Amino acid sequence: MPAATPLVRVVRSGVEESTHLGHVAVCDAKGRLIASAGDPDRLIFSRSSMKPLQAAVTLRALGEPPPPELVAIMCASHNAEPVHVRTVRRLLRFGRVAERDLGCPPDRPSRPDDVVRTARPARVYHYCSGKHAGMLAAAVRSGMDPATYLEPSHPLQRAIVRAVRRGTGMDPAIGVDGCGAPVHGVSVAAMATLFARLASPETLGAWGPGAATAVSAMRAFPFLVAGTGRSDTAIMSEAPNVVCKVGAEGLHCAAVLDAGIGVAVRIADGSDRAASPALLRALGLLGVLDERQLERLHRVARPVVRGGGRPVGELVSRFRLRRTSG
């Protein structure tokens, strides 16, 4: 079994201060491994990177498709900036459900400027509130019990597991995500396969139309998917052929729409700061992003290391991919 490989170096004042190890997989829609680093078979939890597929299942259950901006917020791990909160509330109204019915924990916005404008933590400020609002709306509109929508035995969650099997080619382990929803354990390569299939939604069977809608909405509204200063928003705003979605614990996945391939990066120590530099390195090695695009994404590709409030170094990703023969 391949060990985790060095993916990102942290350089401070010209000295390599620390190194983030991890795993990378590049797959096509047939599940074939194209390239990798570290162990592509490493079992991980999909966390928020599963949201586009969860949204596809939710859309199928809804029947009537909501406007694309509401679909984008269903796929989001947002900052709870004012536009995010307004859009989640629009989705709740669309689903005819109340804010108090959200099952995610109360939270505060991510950005200090937005925190000072809030009186107290609220469920709508949670970064997964769009996903939860969509699931609640689907439960109500399709006649399922909204009170138990987070239980693994709920019909909506069972449908999501079936879609995960179709999308990843694996029977997932089931855990509890940070927001309280079921989370799915699959391999790094399985997540790359899923994102390749998001780029080729016909491979997802009954969930294909919903997946195509989710991908289109994320492309149309990248700010709603994340927000100010966030890697998903920056990458999708710069690269018209990429849809990407972060997940907690150092996971970052991307679908390359015109190539029909998926890329998954998982940082072994769970560090979120290293995931986007590693993903952008992989996309650069694959020729998906050119040097000019990578330079414009330098804040994401090479995050600054600070000392005394000023830049004194950066995160650097220079790993190589192993190409799979045949």
C-alpha atoms as a PDB file:
ATOM      1  CA  MET A   1       0.000   0.000   0.000  1.00  0.00           C
ATOM      2  CA  PRO A   2       1.567   3.343  -1.006  1.00  0.00           C
ATOM      3  CA  ALA A   3       2.265   5.730   1.849  1.00  0.00           C
ATOM      4  CA  ALA A   4       1.113   9.325   1.963  1.00  0.00           C
ATOM      5  CA  THR A   5       3.437  11.495  -0.079  1.00  0.00           C
ATOM      6  CA  PRO A   6       4.657  15.067   0.545  1.00  0.00           C
ATOM      7  CA  LEU A   7       2.195  17.350  -1.232  1.00  0.00           C
ATOM      8  CA  VAL A   8       2.692  20.818   0.244  1.00  0.00           C
ATOM      9  CA  ARG A   9       5.700  22.442   1.953  1.00  0.00           C
ATOM     10  CA  VAL A  10       5.350  25.360   4.363  1.00  0.00           C
ATOM     11  CA  VAL A  11       8.274  27.757   3.869  1.00  0.00           C
ATOM     12  CA  ARG A  12       8.949  30.465   6.461  1.00  0.00           C
ATOM     13  CA  SER A  13      11.829  32.911   6.013  1.00  0.00           C
ATOM     14  CA  GLY A  14      13.445  30.604   3.464  1.00  0.00           C
ATOM     15  CA  VAL A  15      13.296  27.527   5.712  1.00  0.00           C
ATOM     16  CA  GLU A  16      10.959  24.558   5.213  1.00  0.00           C
ATOM     17  CA  GLU A  17       9.081  24.692   8.506  1.00  0.00           C
ATOM     18  CA  SER A  18       6.646  21.827   7.938  1.00  0.00           C
ATOM     19  CA  THR A  19       5.317  19.459   5.295  1.00  0.00           C
ATOM     20  CA  HIS A  20       1.785  18.259   4.601  1.00  0.00           C
ATOM     21  CA  LEU A  21       1.544  14.681   3.331  1.00  0.00           C
ATOM     22  CA  GLY A  22      -1.431  13.356   1.436  1.00  0.00           C
ATOM     23  CA  HIS A  23      -3.048  11.445  -1.388  1.00  0.00           C
ATOM     24  CA  VAL A  24      -4.185  12.386  -4.907  1.00  0.00           C
ATOM     25  CA  ALA A  25      -6.286  10.465  -7.429  1.00  0.00           C
ATOM     26  CA  VAL A  26      -7.225  11.324 -11.009  1.00  0.00           C
ATOM     27  CA  CYS A  27      -9.932   9.114 -12.551  1.00  0.00           C
ATOM     28  CA  ASP A  28     -12.196   8.985 -15.572  1.00  0.00           C
ATOM     29  CA  ALA A  29     -15.948   8.338 -15.594  1.00  0.00           C
ATOM     30  CA  LYS A  30     -15.383   4.586 -15.940  1.00  0.00           C
ATOM     31  CA  GLY A  31     -13.533   4.593 -12.632  1.00  0.00           C
ATOM     32  CA  ARG A  32     -10.148   4.027 -14.209  1.00  0.00           C
ATOM     33  CA  LEU A  33      -7.198   5.513 -12.319  1.00  0.00           C
ATOM     34  CA  ILE A  34      -5.297   7.843 -14.649  1.00  0.00           C
ATOM     35  CA  ALA A  35      -2.719   9.247 -12.252  1.00  0.00           C
ATOM     36  CA  SER A  36      -2.075   9.373  -8.528  1.00  0.00           C
ATOM     37  CA  ALA A  37       0.200  10.342  -5.656  1.00  0.00           C
ATOM     38  CA  GLY A  38       0.275   8.640  -2.288  1.00  0.00           C
ATOM     39  CA  ASP A  39      -2.453   6.023  -1.788  1.00  0.00           C
ATOM     40  CA  PRO A  40      -5.509   6.500  -4.057  1.00  0.00           C
ATOM     41  CA  ASP A  41      -7.293   3.680  -2.190  1.00  0.00           C
ATOM     42  CA  ARG A  42      -7.114   5.478   1.164  1.00  0.00           C
ATOM     43  CA  LEU A  43     -10.536   5.410   2.850  1.00  0.00           C
ATOM     44  CA  ILE A  44     -11.815   8.883   3.696  1.00  0.00           C
ATOM     45  CA  PHE A  45     -15.093  10.591   4.552  1.00  0.00           C
ATOM     46  CA  SER A  46     -16.446  12.623   1.661  1.00  0.00           C
ATOM     47  CA  ARG A  47     -17.642  15.485   3.881  1.00  0.00           C
ATOM     48  CA  SER A  48     -18.922  18.540   1.976  1.00  0.00           C
ATOM     49  CA  SER A  49     -17.392  17.387  -1.310  1.00  0.00           C
ATOM     50  CA  MET A  50     -20.438  15.109  -1.630  1.00  0.00           C
ATOM     51  CA  LYS A  51     -22.826  18.079  -1.774  1.00  0.00           C
ATOM     52  CA  PRO A  52     -23.237  18.240  -5.578  1.00  0.00           C
ATOM     53  CA  LEU A  53     -24.442  14.621  -5.607  1.00  0.00           C
ATOM     54  CA  GLN A  54     -26.613  15.153  -2.516  1.00  0.00           C
ATOM     55  CA  ALA A  55     -28.137  18.123  -4.328  1.00  0.00           C
ATOM     56  CA  ALA A  56     -28.803  15.939  -7.390  1.00  0.00           C
ATOM     57  CA  VAL A  57     -30.776  13.483  -5.243  1.00  0.00           C
ATOM     58  CA  THR A  58     -32.593  16.352  -3.529  1.00  0.00           C
ATOM     59  CA  LEU A  59     -33.571  17.846  -6.888  1.00  0.00           C
ATOM     60  CA  ARG A  60     -35.016  14.539  -8.072  1.00  0.00           C
ATOM     61  CA  ALA A  61     -37.112  14.332  -4.904  1.00  0.00           C
ATOM     62  CA  LEU A  62     -38.261  17.945  -5.250  1.00  0.00           C
ATOM     63  CA  GLY A  63     -39.736  17.390  -8.690  1.00  0.00           C
ATOM     64  CA  GLU A  64     -40.164  21.089  -9.477  1.00  0.00           C
ATOM     65  CA  PRO A  65     -36.667  22.534  -9.982  1.00  0.00           C
ATOM     66  CA  PRO A  66     -35.899  25.685  -8.013  1.00  0.00           C
ATOM     67  CA  PRO A  67     -34.094  28.642  -9.614  1.00  0.00           C
ATOM     68  CA  PRO A  68     -30.373  27.985 -10.228  1.00  0.00           C
ATOM     69  CA  GLU A  69     -29.163  30.232  -7.433  1.00  0.00           C
ATOM     70  CA  LEU A  70     -31.134  28.109  -4.961  1.00  0.00           C
ATOM     71  CA  VAL A  71     -29.508  24.994  -6.403  1.00  0.00           C
ATOM     72  CA  ALA A  72     -26.074  26.592  -5.971  1.00  0.00           C
ATOM     73  CA  ILE A  73     -26.722  27.270  -2.282  1.00  0.00           C
ATOM     74  CA  MET A  74     -27.756  23.616  -1.838  1.00  0.00           C
ATOM     75  CA  CYS A  75     -24.211  22.703  -2.979  1.00  0.00           C
ATOM     76  CA  ALA A  76     -22.533  25.344  -0.816  1.00  0.00           C
ATOM     77  CA  SER A  77     -20.239  25.467   2.170  1.00  0.00           C
ATOM     78  CA  HIS A  78     -20.854  29.180   2.440  1.00  0.00           C
ATOM     79  CA  ASN A  79     -19.481  32.029   4.567  1.00  0.00           C
ATOM     80  CA  ALA A  80     -22.969  33.128   5.691  1.00  0.00           C
ATOM     81  CA  GLU A  81     -22.440  36.489   4.059  1.00  0.00           C
ATOM     82  CA  PRO A  82     -25.699  38.437   3.607  1.00  0.00           C
ATOM     83  CA  VAL A  83     -26.299  37.071   0.082  1.00  0.00           C
ATOM     84  CA  HIS A  84     -25.848  33.507   1.325  1.00  0.00           C
ATOM     85  CA  VAL A  85     -28.303  33.975   4.185  1.00  0.00           C
ATOM     86  CA  ARG A  86     -30.884  35.617   1.907  1.00  0.00           C
ATOM     87  CA  THR A  87     -30.583  32.776  -0.582  1.00  0.00           C
ATOM     88  CA  VAL A  88     -30.979  30.062   2.061  1.00  0.00           C
ATOM     89  CA  ARG A  89     -34.097  31.813   3.311  1.00  0.00           C
ATOM     90  CA  ARG A  90     -35.444  31.937  -0.258  1.00  0.00           C
ATOM     91  CA  LEU A  91     -34.881  28.190  -0.494  1.00  0.00           C
ATOM     92  CA  LEU A  92     -36.741  27.656   2.781  1.00  0.00           C
ATOM     93  CA  ARG A  93     -39.682  29.649   1.421  1.00  0.00           C
ATOM     94  CA  PHE A  94     -39.573  27.662  -1.820  1.00  0.00           C
ATOM     95  CA  GLY A  95     -39.792  24.451   0.212  1.00  0.00           C
ATOM     96  CA  ARG A  96     -42.470  25.841   2.544  1.00  0.00           C
ATOM     97  CA  VAL A  97     -40.371  25.033   5.615  1.00  0.00           C
ATOM     98  CA  ALA A  98     -39.321  27.121   8.593  1.00  0.00           C
ATOM     99  CA  GLU A  99     -35.819  28.166   9.601  1.00  0.00           C
ATOM    100  CA  ARG A 100     -36.299  26.539  12.993  1.00  0.00           C
ATOM    101  CA  ASP A 101     -36.726  23.170  11.247  1.00  0.00           C
ATOM    102  CA  LEU A 102     -33.136  23.151   9.979  1.00  0.00           C
ATOM    103  CA  GLY A 103     -31.217  20.266  11.544  1.00  0.00           C
ATOM    104  CA  CYS A 104     -27.743  21.804  11.344  1.00  0.00           C
ATOM    105  CA  PRO A 105     -26.295  23.332  14.537  1.00  0.00           C
ATOM    106  CA  PRO A 106     -26.567  27.068  15.255  1.00  0.00           C
ATOM    107  CA  ASP A 107     -23.497  28.920  14.013  1.00  0.00           C
ATOM    108  CA  ARG A 108     -22.119  32.363  13.248  1.00  0.00           C
ATOM    109  CA  PRO A 109     -20.922  33.768   9.924  1.00  0.00           C
ATOM    110  CA  SER A 110     -17.334  33.038   8.932  1.00  0.00           C
ATOM    111  CA  ARG A 111     -16.196  36.630   8.375  1.00  0.00           C
ATOM    112  CA  PRO A 112     -15.718  39.000  11.362  1.00  0.00           C
ATOM    113  CA  ASP A 113     -17.523  41.855   9.596  1.00  0.00           C
ATOM    114  CA  ASP A 114     -20.607  39.668   9.256  1.00  0.00           C
ATOM    115  CA  VAL A 115     -20.373  38.330  12.813  1.00  0.00           C
ATOM    116  CA  VAL A 116     -20.694  41.823  14.305  1.00  0.00           C
ATOM    117  CA  ARG A 117     -24.004  42.246  12.474  1.00  0.00           C
ATOM    118  CA  THR A 118     -25.528  39.124  14.050  1.00  0.00           C
ATOM    119  CA  ALA A 119     -27.224  39.086  17.437  1.00  0.00           C
ATOM    120  CA  ARG A 120     -26.683  35.401  18.227  1.00  0.00           C
ATOM    121  CA  PRO A 121     -25.798  32.094  16.557  1.00  0.00           C
ATOM    122  CA  ALA A 122     -28.486  30.733  14.246  1.00  0.00           C
ATOM    123  CA  ARG A 123     -28.930  27.619  12.135  1.00  0.00           C
ATOM    124  CA  VAL A 124     -29.219  29.645   8.931  1.00  0.00           C
ATOM    125  CA  TYR A 125     -25.630  30.866   9.426  1.00  0.00           C
ATOM    126  CA  HIS A 126     -24.235  27.327   9.392  1.00  0.00           C
ATOM    127  CA  TYR A 127     -22.132  26.723   6.278  1.00  0.00           C
ATOM    128  CA  CYS A 128     -24.279  23.670   5.418  1.00  0.00           C
ATOM    129  CA  SER A 129     -27.634  25.406   5.853  1.00  0.00           C
ATOM    130  CA  GLY A 130     -28.305  25.383   2.098  1.00  0.00           C
ATOM    131  CA  LYS A 131     -27.908  21.613   1.914  1.00  0.00           C
ATOM    132  CA  HIS A 132     -30.234  21.189   4.888  1.00  0.00           C
ATOM    133  CA  ALA A 133     -32.807  23.602   3.484  1.00  0.00           C
ATOM    134  CA  GLY A 134     -32.853  21.621   0.243  1.00  0.00           C
ATOM    135  CA  MET A 135     -33.236  18.298   2.028  1.00  0.00           C
ATOM    136  CA  LEU A 136     -36.096  19.667   4.140  1.00  0.00           C
ATOM    137  CA  ALA A 137     -37.805  21.095   1.061  1.00  0.00           C
ATOM    138  CA  ALA A 138     -37.496  17.745  -0.720  1.00  0.00           C
ATOM    139  CA  ALA A 139     -38.943  15.889   2.261  1.00  0.00           C
ATOM    140  CA  VAL A 140     -41.961  18.200   2.477  1.00  0.00           C
ATOM    141  CA  ARG A 141     -42.656  18.392  -1.264  1.00  0.00           C
ATOM    142  CA  SER A 142     -42.368  14.632  -1.798  1.00  0.00           C
ATOM    143  CA  GLY A 143     -44.452  13.629   1.224  1.00  0.00           C
ATOM    144  CA  MET A 144     -41.577  12.322   3.367  1.00  0.00           C
ATOM    145  CA  ASP A 145     -41.291  13.012   7.086  1.00  0.00           C
ATOM    146  CA  PRO A 146     -39.333  16.287   7.477  1.00  0.00           C
ATOM    147  CA  ALA A 147     -38.768  15.720  11.197  1.00  0.00           C
ATOM    148  CA  THR A 148     -36.472  12.739  10.576  1.00  0.00           C
ATOM    149  CA  TYR A 149     -34.753  13.888   7.376  1.00  0.00           C
ATOM    150  CA  LEU A 150     -31.269  13.396   8.905  1.00  0.00           C
ATOM    151  CA  GLU A 151     -31.804   9.776   9.956  1.00  0.00           C
ATOM    152  CA  PRO A 152     -29.872   7.263   7.823  1.00  0.00           C
ATOM    153  CA  SER A 153     -33.104   5.265   7.482  1.00  0.00           C
ATOM    154  CA  HIS A 154     -34.992   8.237   5.984  1.00  0.00           C
ATOM    155  CA  PRO A 155     -36.026   7.626   2.356  1.00  0.00           C
ATOM    156  CA  LEU A 156     -34.072  10.667   1.154  1.00  0.00           C
ATOM    157  CA  GLN A 157     -30.878   9.506   2.884  1.00  0.00           C
ATOM    158  CA  ARG A 158     -31.344   5.986   1.525  1.00  0.00           C
ATOM    159  CA  ALA A 159     -31.668   7.460  -1.972  1.00  0.00           C
ATOM    160  CA  ILE A 160     -28.455   9.413  -1.416  1.00  0.00           C
ATOM    161  CA  VAL A 161     -26.638   6.195  -0.477  1.00  0.00           C
ATOM    162  CA  ARG A 162     -27.864   4.586  -3.707  1.00  0.00           C
ATOM    163  CA  ALA A 163     -26.591   7.586  -5.651  1.00  0.00           C
ATOM    164  CA  VAL A 164     -23.239   7.410  -3.837  1.00  0.00           C
ATOM    165  CA  ARG A 165     -22.907   3.758  -4.876  1.00  0.00           C
ATOM    166  CA  ARG A 166     -23.655   4.715  -8.482  1.00  0.00           C
ATOM    167  CA  GLY A 167     -21.364   7.744  -8.406  1.00  0.00           C
ATOM    168  CA  THR A 168     -18.350   6.265  -6.633  1.00  0.00           C
ATOM    169  CA  GLY A 169     -18.607   2.558  -7.437  1.00  0.00           C
ATOM    170  CA  MET A 170     -18.324   1.766  -3.717  1.00  0.00           C
ATOM    171  CA  ASP A 171     -20.650   0.707  -0.932  1.00  0.00           C
ATOM    172  CA  PRO A 172     -19.946   3.557   1.499  1.00  0.00           C
ATOM    173  CA  ALA A 173     -19.301   3.455   5.203  1.00  0.00           C
ATOM    174  CA  ILE A 174     -21.807   5.728   6.959  1.00  0.00           C
ATOM    175  CA  GLY A 175     -20.890   8.214   9.675  1.00  0.00           C
ATOM    176  CA  VAL A 176     -22.160  11.537  11.012  1.00  0.00           C
ATOM    177  CA  ASP A 177     -20.964  14.740   9.363  1.00  0.00           C
ATOM    178  CA  GLY A 178     -20.179  17.922  11.277  1.00  0.00           C
ATOM    179  CA  CYS A 179     -23.578  19.352  10.311  1.00  0.00           C
ATOM    180  CA  GLY A 180     -25.416  16.260  11.601  1.00  0.00           C
ATOM    181  CA  ALA A 181     -26.251  14.724   8.216  1.00  0.00           C
ATOM    182  CA  PRO A 182     -25.022  11.257   7.229  1.00  0.00           C
ATOM    183  CA  VAL A 183     -21.522  11.284   5.725  1.00  0.00           C
ATOM    184  CA  HIS A 184     -20.144   8.687   3.343  1.00  0.00           C
ATOM    185  CA  GLY A 185     -16.819   6.891   3.612  1.00  0.00           C
ATOM    186  CA  VAL A 186     -15.215   5.975   0.281  1.00  0.00           C
ATOM    187  CA  SER A 187     -11.699   6.020  -1.200  1.00  0.00           C
ATOM    188  CA  VAL A 188      -9.829   8.996  -2.631  1.00  0.00           C
ATOM    189  CA  ALA A 189     -10.081   7.363  -6.067  1.00  0.00           C
ATOM    190  CA  ALA A 190     -13.823   6.878  -5.597  1.00  0.00           C
ATOM    191  CA  MET A 191     -14.217  10.619  -5.003  1.00  0.00           C
ATOM    192  CA  ALA A 192     -12.224  11.325  -8.168  1.00  0.00           C
ATOM    193  CA  THR A 193     -14.515   8.898 -10.020  1.00  0.00           C
ATOM    194  CA  LEU A 194     -17.584  10.672  -8.658  1.00  0.00           C
ATOM    195  CA  PHE A 195     -16.359  14.041  -9.900  1.00  0.00           C
ATOM    196  CA  ALA A 196     -15.546  12.547 -13.308  1.00  0.00           C
ATOM    197  CA  ARG A 197     -19.136  11.325 -13.414  1.00  0.00           C
ATOM    198  CA  LEU A 198     -20.395  14.777 -12.441  1.00  0.00           C
ATOM    199  CA  ALA A 199     -18.609  15.937 -15.591  1.00  0.00           C
ATOM    200  CA  SER A 200     -20.392  13.130 -17.516  1.00  0.00           C
ATOM    201  CA  PRO A 201     -23.780  13.098 -15.766  1.00  0.00           C
ATOM    202  CA  GLU A 202     -25.272  10.496 -18.100  1.00  0.00           C
ATOM    203  CA  THR A 203     -23.166   7.965 -16.157  1.00  0.00           C
ATOM    204  CA  LEU A 204     -25.188   8.687 -13.004  1.00  0.00           C
ATOM    205  CA  GLY A 205     -28.436   7.185 -14.288  1.00  0.00           C
ATOM    206  CA  ALA A 206     -31.558   8.576 -12.648  1.00  0.00           C
ATOM    207  CA  TRP A 207     -29.514  11.212 -10.795  1.00  0.00           C
ATOM    208  CA  GLY A 208     -27.816  12.479 -13.951  1.00  0.00           C
ATOM    209  CA  PRO A 209     -30.280  15.300 -14.715  1.00  0.00           C
ATOM    210  CA  GLY A 210     -30.029  16.596 -11.155  1.00  0.00           C
ATOM    211  CA  ALA A 211     -26.227  16.373 -11.283  1.00  0.00           C
ATOM    212  CA  ALA A 212     -26.147  18.366 -14.510  1.00  0.00           C
ATOM    213  CA  THR A 213     -28.388  20.995 -12.909  1.00  0.00           C
ATOM    214  CA  ALA A 214     -26.172  21.174  -9.811  1.00  0.00           C
ATOM    215  CA  VAL A 215     -22.977  21.531 -11.848  1.00  0.00           C
ATOM    216  CA  SER A 216     -24.541  24.225 -14.037  1.00  0.00           C
ATOM    217  CA  ALA A 217     -25.725  26.166 -10.980  1.00  0.00           C
ATOM    218  CA  MET A 218     -22.299  25.991  -9.314  1.00  0.00           C
ATOM    219  CA  ARG A 219     -20.685  27.286 -12.508  1.00  0.00           C
ATOM    220  CA  ALA A 220     -23.244  30.099 -12.791  1.00  0.00           C
ATOM    221  CA  PHE A 221     -23.035  31.195  -9.135  1.00  0.00           C
ATOM    222  CA  PRO A 222     -19.564  30.382  -7.766  1.00  0.00           C
ATOM    223  CA  PHE A 223     -19.839  33.072  -5.098  1.00  0.00           C
ATOM    224  CA  LEU A 224     -22.861  31.350  -3.577  1.00  0.00           C
ATOM    225  CA  VAL A 225     -20.928  28.068  -3.351  1.00  0.00           C
ATOM    226  CA  ALA A 226     -18.373  29.569  -0.953  1.00  0.00           C
ATOM    227  CA  GLY A 227     -17.823  33.341  -0.815  1.00  0.00           C
ATOM    228  CA  THR A 228     -15.228  36.040  -0.213  1.00  0.00           C
ATOM    229  CA  GLY A 229     -11.678  34.743  -0.029  1.00  0.00           C
ATOM    230  CA  ARG A 230     -12.653  31.125  -0.627  1.00  0.00           C
ATOM    231  CA  SER A 231     -10.873  28.722  -2.965  1.00  0.00           C
ATOM    232  CA  ASP A 232     -13.937  27.208  -4.669  1.00  0.00           C
ATOM    233  CA  THR A 233     -15.214  30.644  -5.650  1.00  0.00           C
ATOM    234  CA  ALA A 234     -11.783  31.756  -6.873  1.00  0.00           C
ATOM    235  CA  ILE A 235     -11.070  28.615  -8.915  1.00  0.00           C
ATOM    236  CA  MET A 236     -14.471  28.415 -10.601  1.00  0.00           C
ATOM    237  CA  SER A 237     -14.381  32.149 -11.368  1.00  0.00           C
ATOM    238  CA  GLU A 238     -11.014  31.720 -13.105  1.00  0.00           C
ATOM    239  CA  ALA A 239     -11.401  28.320 -14.793  1.00  0.00           C
ATOM    240  CA  PRO A 240     -14.536  27.947 -16.957  1.00  0.00           C
ATOM    241  CA  ASN A 241     -13.997  24.193 -17.410  1.00  0.00           C
ATOM    242  CA  VAL A 242     -13.746  23.278 -13.723  1.00  0.00           C
ATOM    243  CA  VAL A 243     -16.297  22.628 -10.986  1.00  0.00           C
ATOM    244  CA  CYS A 244     -14.779  22.107  -7.571  1.00  0.00           C
ATOM    245  CA  LYS A 245     -15.929  21.528  -4.017  1.00  0.00           C
ATOM    246  CA  VAL A 246     -13.996  21.462  -0.765  1.00  0.00           C
ATOM    247  CA  GLY A 247     -14.702  19.057   2.053  1.00  0.00           C
ATOM    248  CA  ALA A 248     -13.558  19.227   5.657  1.00  0.00           C
ATOM    249  CA  GLU A 249     -10.353  17.560   6.887  1.00  0.00           C
ATOM    250  CA  GLY A 250      -8.225  18.600   3.931  1.00  0.00           C
ATOM    251  CA  LEU A 251     -10.330  17.242   1.063  1.00  0.00           C
ATOM    252  CA  HIS A 252     -10.713  19.096  -2.238  1.00  0.00           C
ATOM    253  CA  CYS A 253     -12.261  17.638  -5.407  1.00  0.00           C
ATOM    254  CA  ALA A 254     -12.705  18.914  -8.942  1.00  0.00           C
ATOM    255  CA  ALA A 255     -14.482  17.900 -12.134  1.00  0.00           C
ATOM    256  CA  VAL A 256     -12.821  18.869 -15.412  1.00  0.00           C
ATOM    257  CA  LEU A 257     -15.885  19.301 -17.562  1.00  0.00           C
ATOM    258  CA  ASP A 258     -14.384  19.248 -21.047  1.00  0.00           C
ATOM    259  CA  ALA A 259     -12.077  16.296 -20.284  1.00  0.00           C
ATOM    260  CA  GLY A 260     -14.523  14.148 -18.330  1.00  0.00           C
ATOM    261  CA  ILE A 261     -12.059  13.505 -15.510  1.00  0.00           C
ATOM    262  CA  GLY A 262     -12.189  13.968 -11.767  1.00  0.00           C
ATOM    263  CA  VAL A 263      -9.455  14.919  -9.309  1.00  0.00           C
ATOM    264  CA  ALA A 264      -9.494  14.312  -5.558  1.00  0.00           C
ATOM    265  CA  VAL A 265      -6.892  15.526  -3.073  1.00  0.00           C
ATOM    266  CA  ARG A 266      -6.824  14.552   0.592  1.00  0.00           C
ATOM    267  CA  ILE A 267      -4.305  16.009   3.044  1.00  0.00           C
ATOM    268  CA  ALA A 268      -3.338  13.294   5.523  1.00  0.00           C
ATOM    269  CA  ASP A 269      -3.272  15.515   8.613  1.00  0.00           C
ATOM    270  CA  GLY A 270      -6.644  17.063   7.753  1.00  0.00           C
ATOM    271  CA  SER A 271      -5.197  20.529   7.131  1.00  0.00           C
ATOM    272  CA  ASP A 272      -7.518  22.611   5.004  1.00  0.00           C
ATOM    273  CA  ARG A 273      -4.798  25.162   4.227  1.00  0.00           C
ATOM    274  CA  ALA A 274      -2.852  22.644   2.128  1.00  0.00           C
ATOM    275  CA  ALA A 275      -5.757  21.164   0.134  1.00  0.00           C
ATOM    276  CA  SER A 276      -6.249  23.928  -2.438  1.00  0.00           C
ATOM    277  CA  PRO A 277      -2.517  24.346  -3.248  1.00  0.00           C
ATOM    278  CA  ALA A 278      -2.332  20.580  -3.841  1.00  0.00           C
ATOM    279  CA  LEU A 279      -5.463  20.569  -6.013  1.00  0.00           C
ATOM    280  CA  LEU A 280      -4.165  23.446  -8.123  1.00  0.00           C
ATOM    281  CA  ARG A 281      -0.803  21.686  -8.495  1.00  0.00           C
ATOM    282  CA  ALA A 282      -2.619  18.598  -9.793  1.00  0.00           C
ATOM    283  CA  LEU A 283      -4.718  20.662 -12.208  1.00  0.00           C
ATOM    284  CA  GLY A 284      -1.565  22.367 -13.451  1.00  0.00           C
ATOM    285  CA  LEU A 285       0.229  19.051 -13.988  1.00  0.00           C
ATOM    286  CA  LEU A 286      -2.779  17.768 -15.941  1.00  0.00           C
ATOM    287  CA  GLY A 287      -2.734  20.834 -18.196  1.00  0.00           C
ATOM    288  CA  VAL A 288      -6.161  21.948 -17.013  1.00  0.00           C
ATOM    289  CA  LEU A 289      -4.812  25.302 -15.792  1.00  0.00           C
ATOM    290  CA  ASP A 290      -2.043  27.220 -17.525  1.00  0.00           C
ATOM    291  CA  GLU A 291       0.675  29.331 -15.910  1.00  0.00           C
ATOM    292  CA  ARG A 292      -1.288  32.562 -16.323  1.00  0.00           C
ATOM    293  CA  GLN A 293      -4.345  31.099 -14.600  1.00  0.00           C
ATOM    294  CA  LEU A 294      -2.210  29.695 -11.797  1.00  0.00           C
ATOM    295  CA  GLU A 295      -0.546  33.073 -11.354  1.00  0.00           C
ATOM    296  CA  ARG A 296      -3.921  34.795 -11.113  1.00  0.00           C
ATOM    297  CA  LEU A 297      -4.861  32.174  -8.507  1.00  0.00           C
ATOM    298  CA  HIS A 298      -1.631  32.711  -6.558  1.00  0.00           C
ATOM    299  CA  ARG A 299      -3.497  33.522  -3.338  1.00  0.00           C
ATOM    300  CA  VAL A 300      -5.045  30.055  -3.463  1.00  0.00           C
ATOM    301  CA  ALA A 301      -2.127  28.226  -5.082  1.00  0.00           C
ATOM    302  CA  ARG A 302       0.547  29.726  -2.808  1.00  0.00           C
ATOM    303  CA  PRO A 303      -1.071  30.996   0.411  1.00  0.00           C
ATOM    304  CA  VAL A 304       1.026  33.475   2.333  1.00  0.00           C
ATOM    305  CA  VAL A 305       2.810  32.604   5.582  1.00  0.00           C
ATOM    306  CA  ARG A 306       2.881  35.631   7.894  1.00  0.00           C
ATOM    307  CA  GLY A 307       5.232  36.798  10.607  1.00  0.00           C
ATOM    308  CA  GLY A 308       4.652  39.975  12.568  1.00  0.00           C
ATOM    309  CA  GLY A 309       1.667  40.723  10.374  1.00  0.00           C
ATOM    310  CA  ARG A 310       3.618  40.713   7.106  1.00  0.00           C
ATOM    311  CA  PRO A 311       4.352  38.049   4.473  1.00  0.00           C
ATOM    312  CA  VAL A 312       7.479  36.039   5.286  1.00  0.00           C
ATOM    313  CA  GLY A 313       6.877  32.874   3.273  1.00  0.00           C
ATOM    314  CA  GLU A 314       4.331  30.738   1.468  1.00  0.00           C
ATOM    315  CA  LEU A 315       2.898  27.273   0.981  1.00  0.00           C
ATOM    316  CA  VAL A 316       4.525  25.525  -1.978  1.00  0.00           C
ATOM    317  CA  SER A 317       3.232  22.450  -3.811  1.00  0.00           C
ATOM    318  CA  ARG A 318       5.658  20.678  -6.178  1.00  0.00           C
ATOM    319  CA  PHE A 319       4.746  16.975  -6.076  1.00  0.00           C
ATOM    320  CA  ARG A 320       4.609  14.788  -9.175  1.00  0.00           C
ATOM    321  CA  LEU A 321       1.841  12.480 -10.338  1.00  0.00           C
ATOM    322  CA  ARG A 322       2.382   8.811 -11.140  1.00  0.00           C
ATOM    323  CA  ARG A 323       0.763   8.066 -14.481  1.00  0.00           C
ATOM    324  CA  THR A 324      -1.068   4.753 -14.668  1.00  0.00           C
ATOM    325  CA  SER A 325       0.067   2.574 -17.547  1.00  0.00           C
ATOM    326  CA  GLY A 326      -2.532   1.160 -19.904  1.00  0.00           C
END
